[in-house]
Amino acid sequence: MSLVWFLLIGIAAGWLAGHLVKGRGFGLLENLVIGVIGALIGGYVFGSLGVSTPGLLGELVAATVGSLILLFLLKLIRRA
């Protein structure tokens, strides 16, 4: 069941990041990929900083921040 929650949070985080960066989402599959990778990045960044993200809302915030970091890095790579 935790895998299902992880994927649902990934979809939501990818959708939120897409709306913050592009003004719209990327589509279900792209939101899922961006959100899941973003959740891993966000978990690592928040853990490295010693910030705890308890609960569903905390996980969503960490995944969204990680997704924003991912999209920012991808934008930098595309410019180069």
PDB file of N, CA and C in Angstrom:
ATOM      1  N   MET A   1       0.818  -1.192   0.000  1.00  0.00           N
ATOM      2  CA  MET A   1       0.000   0.000   0.000  1.00  0.00           C
ATOM      3  C   MET A   1       0.866   1.261   0.000  1.00  0.00           C
ATOM      4  N   SER A   2       2.042   1.182   0.604  1.00  0.00           N
ATOM      5  CA  SER A   2       2.909   2.365   0.630  1.00  0.00           C
ATOM      6  C   SER A   2       3.414   2.711  -0.765  1.00  0.00           C
ATOM      7  N   LEU A   3       3.566   1.720  -1.633  1.00  0.00           N
ATOM      8  CA  LEU A   3       3.976   1.993  -3.010  1.00  0.00           C
ATOM      9  C   LEU A   3       2.895   2.788  -3.735  1.00  0.00           C
ATOM     10  N   VAL A   4       1.647   2.451  -3.487  1.00  0.00           N
ATOM     11  CA  VAL A   4       0.537   3.181  -4.107  1.00  0.00           C
ATOM     12  C   VAL A   4       0.552   4.636  -3.647  1.00  0.00           C
ATOM     13  N   TRP A   5       0.749   4.871  -2.343  1.00  0.00           N
ATOM     14  CA  TRP A   5       0.814   6.245  -1.832  1.00  0.00           C
ATOM     15  C   TRP A   5       2.000   6.986  -2.426  1.00  0.00           C
ATOM     16  N   PHE A   6       3.137   6.305  -2.541  1.00  0.00           N
ATOM     17  CA  PHE A   6       4.332   6.917  -3.120  1.00  0.00           C
ATOM     18  C   PHE A   6       4.058   7.372  -4.552  1.00  0.00           C
ATOM     19  N   LEU A   7       3.385   6.519  -5.326  1.00  0.00           N
ATOM     20  CA  LEU A   7       3.070   6.871  -6.709  1.00  0.00           C
ATOM     21  C   LEU A   7       2.039   8.004  -6.779  1.00  0.00           C
ATOM     22  N   LEU A   8       1.039   7.972  -5.912  1.00  0.00           N
ATOM     23  CA  LEU A   8       0.042   9.045  -5.901  1.00  0.00           C
ATOM     24  C   LEU A   8       0.654  10.381  -5.498  1.00  0.00           C
ATOM     25  N   ILE A   9       1.541  10.356  -4.519  1.00  0.00           N
ATOM     26  CA  ILE A   9       2.238  11.584  -4.124  1.00  0.00           C
ATOM     27  C   ILE A   9       3.138  12.054  -5.262  1.00  0.00           C
ATOM     28  N   GLY A  10       3.765  11.118  -5.963  1.00  0.00           N
ATOM     29  CA  GLY A  10       4.596  11.476  -7.114  1.00  0.00           C
ATOM     30  C   GLY A  10       3.805  12.152  -8.211  1.00  0.00           C
ATOM     31  N   ILE A  11       2.619  11.628  -8.500  1.00  0.00           N
ATOM     32  CA  ILE A  11       1.766  12.246  -9.521  1.00  0.00           C
ATOM     33  C   ILE A  11       1.370  13.659  -9.097  1.00  0.00           C
ATOM     34  N   ALA A  12       0.952  13.793  -7.839  1.00  0.00           N
ATOM     35  CA  ALA A  12       0.535  15.111  -7.344  1.00  0.00           C
ATOM     36  C   ALA A  12       1.705  16.093  -7.340  1.00  0.00           C
ATOM     37  N   ALA A  13       2.878  15.644  -6.919  1.00  0.00           N
ATOM     38  CA  ALA A  13       4.051  16.527  -6.873  1.00  0.00           C
ATOM     39  C   ALA A  13       4.481  16.939  -8.275  1.00  0.00           C
ATOM     40  N   GLY A  14       4.461  16.012  -9.214  1.00  0.00           N
ATOM     41  CA  GLY A  14       4.805  16.345 -10.596  1.00  0.00           C
ATOM     42  C   GLY A  14       3.815  17.325 -11.194  1.00  0.00           C
ATOM     43  N   TRP A  15       2.531  17.150 -10.873  1.00  0.00           N
ATOM     44  CA  TRP A  15       1.494  18.055 -11.359  1.00  0.00           C
ATOM     45  C   TRP A  15       1.697  19.460 -10.775  1.00  0.00           C
ATOM     46  N   LEU A  16       1.940  19.526  -9.454  1.00  0.00           N
ATOM     47  CA  LEU A  16       2.174  20.822  -8.808  1.00  0.00           C
ATOM     48  C   LEU A  16       3.400  21.517  -9.385  1.00  0.00           C
ATOM     49  N   ALA A  17       4.486  20.775  -9.537  1.00  0.00           N
ATOM     50  CA  ALA A  17       5.712  21.367 -10.083  1.00  0.00           C
ATOM     51  C   ALA A  17       5.488  21.843 -11.508  1.00  0.00           C
ATOM     52  N   GLY A  18       4.750  21.073 -12.293  1.00  0.00           N
ATOM     53  CA  GLY A  18       4.448  21.483 -13.660  1.00  0.00           C
ATOM     54  C   GLY A  18       3.654  22.771 -13.703  1.00  0.00           C
ATOM     55  N   HIS A  19       2.708  22.910 -12.796  1.00  0.00           N
ATOM     56  CA  HIS A  19       1.913  24.139 -12.755  1.00  0.00           C
ATOM     57  C   HIS A  19       2.743  25.324 -12.279  1.00  0.00           C
ATOM     58  N   LEU A  20       3.678  25.088 -11.379  1.00  0.00           N
ATOM     59  CA  LEU A  20       4.515  26.179 -10.889  1.00  0.00           C
ATOM     60  C   LEU A  20       5.542  26.612 -11.931  1.00  0.00           C
ATOM     61  N   VAL A  21       6.033  25.677 -12.736  1.00  0.00           N
ATOM     62  CA  VAL A  21       7.075  25.999 -13.704  1.00  0.00           C
ATOM     63  C   VAL A  21       6.499  26.386 -15.061  1.00  0.00           C
ATOM     64  N   LYS A  22       5.565  25.581 -15.565  1.00  0.00           N
ATOM     65  CA  LYS A  22       5.033  25.790 -16.912  1.00  0.00           C
ATOM     66  C   LYS A  22       3.681  26.470 -16.943  1.00  0.00           C
ATOM     67  N   GLY A  23       2.969  26.443 -15.848  1.00  0.00           N
ATOM     68  CA  GLY A  23       1.612  26.963 -15.847  1.00  0.00           C
ATOM     69  C   GLY A  23       0.585  25.891 -16.133  1.00  0.00           C
ATOM     70  N   ARG A  24       1.050  24.658 -16.403  1.00  0.00           N
ATOM     71  CA  ARG A  24       0.175  23.509 -16.611  1.00  0.00           C
ATOM     72  C   ARG A  24       0.984  22.242 -16.338  1.00  0.00           C
ATOM     73  N   GLY A  25       0.292  21.143 -16.200  1.00  0.00           N
ATOM     74  CA  GLY A  25       0.968  19.873 -15.949  1.00  0.00           C
ATOM     75  C   GLY A  25       1.592  19.325 -17.220  1.00  0.00           C
ATOM     76  N   PHE A  26       2.241  18.166 -17.096  1.00  0.00           N
ATOM     77  CA  PHE A  26       2.919  17.557 -18.235  1.00  0.00           C
ATOM     78  C   PHE A  26       2.159  16.371 -18.812  1.00  0.00           C
ATOM     79  N   GLY A  27       1.148  15.895 -18.133  1.00  0.00           N
ATOM     80  CA  GLY A  27       0.473  14.656 -18.516  1.00  0.00           C
ATOM     81  C   GLY A  27       0.720  13.624 -17.431  1.00  0.00           C
ATOM     82  N   LEU A  28      -0.119  12.619 -17.360  1.00  0.00           N
ATOM     83  CA  LEU A  28      -0.085  11.670 -16.255  1.00  0.00           C
ATOM     84  C   LEU A  28       1.269  10.966 -16.127  1.00  0.00           C
ATOM     85  N   LEU A  29       1.772  10.405 -17.209  1.00  0.00           N
ATOM     86  CA  LEU A  29       3.028   9.653 -17.137  1.00  0.00           C
ATOM     87  C   LEU A  29       4.210  10.561 -16.812  1.00  0.00           C
ATOM     88  N   GLU A  30       4.279  11.717 -17.445  1.00  0.00           N
ATOM     89  CA  GLU A  30       5.382  12.639 -17.182  1.00  0.00           C
ATOM     90  C   GLU A  30       5.310  13.175 -15.751  1.00  0.00           C
ATOM     91  N   ASN A  31       4.094  13.494 -15.269  1.00  0.00           N
ATOM     92  CA  ASN A  31       3.936  13.938 -13.884  1.00  0.00           C
ATOM     93  C   ASN A  31       4.418  12.863 -12.919  1.00  0.00           C
ATOM     94  N   LEU A  32       4.091  11.606 -13.215  1.00  0.00           N
ATOM     95  CA  LEU A  32       4.507  10.496 -12.361  1.00  0.00           C
ATOM     96  C   LEU A  32       6.024  10.383 -12.316  1.00  0.00           C
ATOM     97  N   VAL A  33       6.673  10.413 -13.463  1.00  0.00           N
ATOM     98  CA  VAL A  33       8.130  10.273 -13.514  1.00  0.00           C
ATOM     99  C   VAL A  33       8.808  11.452 -12.815  1.00  0.00           C
ATOM    100  N   ILE A  34       8.373  12.656 -13.125  1.00  0.00           N
ATOM    101  CA  ILE A  34       8.952  13.847 -12.491  1.00  0.00           C
ATOM    102  C   ILE A  34       8.727  13.814 -10.987  1.00  0.00           C
ATOM    103  N   GLY A  35       7.523  13.455 -10.576  1.00  0.00           N
ATOM    104  CA  GLY A  35       7.195  13.419  -9.153  1.00  0.00           C
ATOM    105  C   GLY A  35       7.937  12.359  -8.381  1.00  0.00           C
ATOM    106  N   VAL A  36       8.090  11.161  -8.960  1.00  0.00           N
ATOM    107  CA  VAL A  36       8.791  10.085  -8.259  1.00  0.00           C
ATOM    108  C   VAL A  36      10.277  10.414  -8.130  1.00  0.00           C
ATOM    109  N   ILE A  37      10.886  10.874  -9.210  1.00  0.00           N
ATOM    110  CA  ILE A  37      12.298  11.268  -9.127  1.00  0.00           C
ATOM    111  C   ILE A  37      12.440  12.465  -8.196  1.00  0.00           C
ATOM    112  N   GLY A  38      11.495  13.383  -8.268  1.00  0.00           N
ATOM    113  CA  GLY A  38      11.506  14.547  -7.376  1.00  0.00           C
ATOM    114  C   GLY A  38      11.352  14.142  -5.918  1.00  0.00           C
ATOM    115  N   ALA A  39      10.536  13.126  -5.642  1.00  0.00           N
ATOM    116  CA  ALA A  39      10.380  12.648  -4.266  1.00  0.00           C
ATOM    117  C   ALA A  39      11.694  12.096  -3.732  1.00  0.00           C
ATOM    118  N   LEU A  40      12.424  11.390  -4.568  1.00  0.00           N
ATOM    119  CA  LEU A  40      13.730  10.865  -4.152  1.00  0.00           C
ATOM    120  C   LEU A  40      14.710  12.017  -3.896  1.00  0.00           C
ATOM    121  N   ILE A  41      14.726  12.993  -4.790  1.00  0.00           N
ATOM    122  CA  ILE A  41      15.607  14.151  -4.620  1.00  0.00           C
ATOM    123  C   ILE A  41      15.209  14.941  -3.378  1.00  0.00           C
ATOM    124  N   GLY A  42      13.915  15.202  -3.222  1.00  0.00           N
ATOM    125  CA  GLY A  42      13.427  15.954  -2.068  1.00  0.00           C
ATOM    126  C   GLY A  42      13.714  15.252  -0.756  1.00  0.00           C
ATOM    127  N   GLY A  43      13.525  13.934  -0.722  1.00  0.00           N
ATOM    128  CA  GLY A  43      13.841  13.178   0.485  1.00  0.00           C
ATOM    129  C   GLY A  43      15.316  13.264   0.839  1.00  0.00           C
ATOM    130  N   TYR A  44      16.160  13.196  -0.178  1.00  0.00           N
ATOM    131  CA  TYR A  44      17.603  13.299   0.058  1.00  0.00           C
ATOM    132  C   TYR A  44      17.984  14.693   0.553  1.00  0.00           C
ATOM    133  N   VAL A  45      17.462  15.731  -0.107  1.00  0.00           N
ATOM    134  CA  VAL A  45      17.799  17.106   0.259  1.00  0.00           C
ATOM    135  C   VAL A  45      17.299  17.427   1.669  1.00  0.00           C
ATOM    136  N   PHE A  46      16.046  17.108   1.942  1.00  0.00           N
ATOM    137  CA  PHE A  46      15.496  17.404   3.267  1.00  0.00           C
ATOM    138  C   PHE A  46      16.214  16.595   4.344  1.00  0.00           C
ATOM    139  N   GLY A  47      16.538  15.333   4.046  1.00  0.00           N
ATOM    140  CA  GLY A  47      17.277  14.508   5.005  1.00  0.00           C
ATOM    141  C   GLY A  47      18.671  15.043   5.260  1.00  0.00           C
ATOM    142  N   SER A  48      19.332  15.522   4.210  1.00  0.00           N
ATOM    143  CA  SER A  48      20.680  16.082   4.364  1.00  0.00           C
ATOM    144  C   SER A  48      20.670  17.359   5.195  1.00  0.00           C
ATOM    145  N   LEU A  49      19.587  18.114   5.083  1.00  0.00           N
ATOM    146  CA  LEU A  49      19.467  19.350   5.853  1.00  0.00           C
ATOM    147  C   LEU A  49      18.943  19.100   7.264  1.00  0.00           C
ATOM    148  N   GLY A  50      18.548  17.875   7.553  1.00  0.00           N
ATOM    149  CA  GLY A  50      18.025  17.540   8.873  1.00  0.00           C
ATOM    150  C   GLY A  50      16.594  17.998   9.089  1.00  0.00           C
ATOM    151  N   VAL A  51      15.866  18.227   7.999  1.00  0.00           N
ATOM    152  CA  VAL A  51      14.477  18.671   8.085  1.00  0.00           C
ATOM    153  C   VAL A  51      13.571  17.451   8.023  1.00  0.00           C
ATOM    154  N   SER A  52      12.686  17.338   8.997  1.00  0.00           N
ATOM    155  CA  SER A  52      11.742  16.228   9.043  1.00  0.00           C
ATOM    156  C   SER A  52      10.479  16.594   8.272  1.00  0.00           C
ATOM    157  N   THR A  53       9.954  15.664   7.492  1.00  0.00           N
ATOM    158  CA  THR A  53       8.732  15.899   6.727  1.00  0.00           C
ATOM    159  C   THR A  53       7.708  14.818   7.072  1.00  0.00           C
ATOM    160  N   PRO A  54       7.112  14.909   8.249  1.00  0.00           N
ATOM    161  CA  PRO A  54       6.171  13.865   8.653  1.00  0.00           C
ATOM    162  C   PRO A  54       4.810  14.023   7.984  1.00  0.00           C
ATOM    163  N   GLY A  55       4.144  12.928   7.807  1.00  0.00           N
ATOM    164  CA  GLY A  55       2.781  12.950   7.295  1.00  0.00           C
ATOM    165  C   GLY A  55       2.691  13.113   5.800  1.00  0.00           C
ATOM    166  N   LEU A  56       1.481  13.013   5.335  1.00  0.00           N
ATOM    167  CA  LEU A  56       1.208  13.089   3.902  1.00  0.00           C
ATOM    168  C   LEU A  56       1.552  14.462   3.328  1.00  0.00           C
ATOM    169  N   LEU A  57       1.195  15.516   4.030  1.00  0.00           N
ATOM    170  CA  LEU A  57       1.488  16.868   3.544  1.00  0.00           C
ATOM    171  C   LEU A  57       2.994  17.126   3.487  1.00  0.00           C
ATOM    172  N   GLY A  58       3.730  16.668   4.486  1.00  0.00           N
ATOM    173  CA  GLY A  58       5.182  16.833   4.488  1.00  0.00           C
ATOM    174  C   GLY A  58       5.839  16.094   3.347  1.00  0.00           C
ATOM    175  N   GLU A  59       5.348  14.887   3.058  1.00  0.00           N
ATOM    176  CA  GLU A  59       5.890  14.124   1.938  1.00  0.00           C
ATOM    177  C   GLU A  59       5.586  14.803   0.613  1.00  0.00           C
ATOM    178  N   LEU A  60       4.385  15.375   0.509  1.00  0.00           N
ATOM    179  CA  LEU A  60       4.021  16.082  -0.715  1.00  0.00           C
ATOM    180  C   LEU A  60       4.890  17.326  -0.909  1.00  0.00           C
ATOM    181  N   VAL A  61       5.161  18.042   0.161  1.00  0.00           N
ATOM    182  CA  VAL A  61       6.017  19.228   0.074  1.00  0.00           C
ATOM    183  C   VAL A  61       7.431  18.832  -0.345  1.00  0.00           C
ATOM    184  N   ALA A  62       7.978  17.794   0.280  1.00  0.00           N
ATOM    185  CA  ALA A  62       9.329  17.351  -0.065  1.00  0.00           C
ATOM    186  C   ALA A  62       9.395  16.885  -1.514  1.00  0.00           C
ATOM    187  N   ALA A  63       8.392  16.147  -1.970  1.00  0.00           N
ATOM    188  CA  ALA A  63       8.375  15.664  -3.349  1.00  0.00           C
ATOM    189  C   ALA A  63       8.231  16.819  -4.332  1.00  0.00           C
ATOM    190  N   THR A  64       7.426  17.803  -3.990  1.00  0.00           N
ATOM    191  CA  THR A  64       7.246  18.957  -4.875  1.00  0.00           C
ATOM    192  C   THR A  64       8.526  19.786  -4.968  1.00  0.00           C
ATOM    193  N   VAL A  65       9.181  20.008  -3.839  1.00  0.00           N
ATOM    194  CA  VAL A  65      10.457  20.744  -3.848  1.00  0.00           C
ATOM    195  C   VAL A  65      11.490  19.973  -4.663  1.00  0.00           C
ATOM    196  N   GLY A  66      11.555  18.668  -4.478  1.00  0.00           N
ATOM    197  CA  GLY A  66      12.476  17.851  -5.269  1.00  0.00           C
ATOM    198  C   GLY A  66      12.152  17.899  -6.749  1.00  0.00           C
ATOM    199  N   SER A  67      10.868  17.919  -7.097  1.00  0.00           N
ATOM    200  CA  SER A  67      10.461  18.011  -8.501  1.00  0.00           C
ATOM    201  C   SER A  67      10.846  19.359  -9.100  1.00  0.00           C
ATOM    202  N   LEU A  68      10.700  20.411  -8.312  1.00  0.00           N
ATOM    203  CA  LEU A  68      11.111  21.735  -8.783  1.00  0.00           C
ATOM    204  C   LEU A  68      12.621  21.786  -9.015  1.00  0.00           C
ATOM    205  N   ILE A  69      13.389  21.171  -8.125  1.00  0.00           N
ATOM    206  CA  ILE A  69      14.841  21.101  -8.299  1.00  0.00           C
ATOM    207  C   ILE A  69      15.171  20.344  -9.576  1.00  0.00           C
ATOM    208  N   LEU A  70      14.483  19.220  -9.797  1.00  0.00           N
ATOM    209  CA  LEU A  70      14.711  18.419 -10.996  1.00  0.00           C
ATOM    210  C   LEU A  70      14.410  19.214 -12.256  1.00  0.00           C
ATOM    211  N   LEU A  71      13.274  19.905 -12.286  1.00  0.00           N
ATOM    212  CA  LEU A  71      12.914  20.689 -13.463  1.00  0.00           C
ATOM    213  C   LEU A  71      13.891  21.837 -13.698  1.00  0.00           C
ATOM    214  N   PHE A  72      14.367  22.449 -12.626  1.00  0.00           N
ATOM    215  CA  PHE A  72      15.367  23.513 -12.744  1.00  0.00           C
ATOM    216  C   PHE A  72      16.663  22.971 -13.348  1.00  0.00           C
ATOM    217  N   LEU A  73      17.113  21.799 -12.866  1.00  0.00           N
ATOM    218  CA  LEU A  73      18.334  21.197 -13.403  1.00  0.00           C
ATOM    219  C   LEU A  73      18.162  20.805 -14.871  1.00  0.00           C
ATOM    220  N   LEU A  74      17.005  20.263 -15.218  1.00  0.00           N
ATOM    221  CA  LEU A  74      16.751  19.903 -16.609  1.00  0.00           C
ATOM    222  C   LEU A  74      16.753  21.130 -17.524  1.00  0.00           C
ATOM    223  N   LYS A  75      16.226  22.234 -17.016  1.00  0.00           N
ATOM    224  CA  LYS A  75      16.212  23.468 -17.793  1.00  0.00           C
ATOM    225  C   LYS A  75      17.638  23.979 -18.011  1.00  0.00           C
ATOM    226  N   LEU A  76      18.490  23.849 -16.978  1.00  0.00           N
ATOM    227  CA  LEU A  76      19.902  24.258 -17.121  1.00  0.00           C
ATOM    228  C   LEU A  76      20.632  23.380 -18.138  1.00  0.00           C
ATOM    229  N   ILE A  77      20.352  22.100 -18.122  1.00  0.00           N
ATOM    230  CA  ILE A  77      21.013  21.169 -19.045  1.00  0.00           C
ATOM    231  C   ILE A  77      20.582  21.458 -20.480  1.00  0.00           C
ATOM    232  N   ARG A  78      19.314  21.763 -20.689  1.00  0.00           N
ATOM    233  CA  ARG A  78      18.818  22.030 -22.036  1.00  0.00           C
ATOM    234  C   ARG A  78      19.421  23.297 -22.623  1.00  0.00           C
ATOM    235  N   ARG A  79      19.747  24.269 -21.775  1.00  0.00           N
ATOM    236  CA  ARG A  79      20.361  25.520 -22.246  1.00  0.00           C
ATOM    237  C   ARG A  79      21.797  25.301 -22.697  1.00  0.00           C
ATOM    238  N   ALA A  80      22.478  24.354 -22.072  1.00  0.00           N
ATOM    239  CA  ALA A  80      23.896  24.137 -22.359  1.00  0.00           C
ATOM    240  C   ALA A  80      24.129  23.464 -23.683  1.00  0.00           C
TER     241      ALA A  80
END
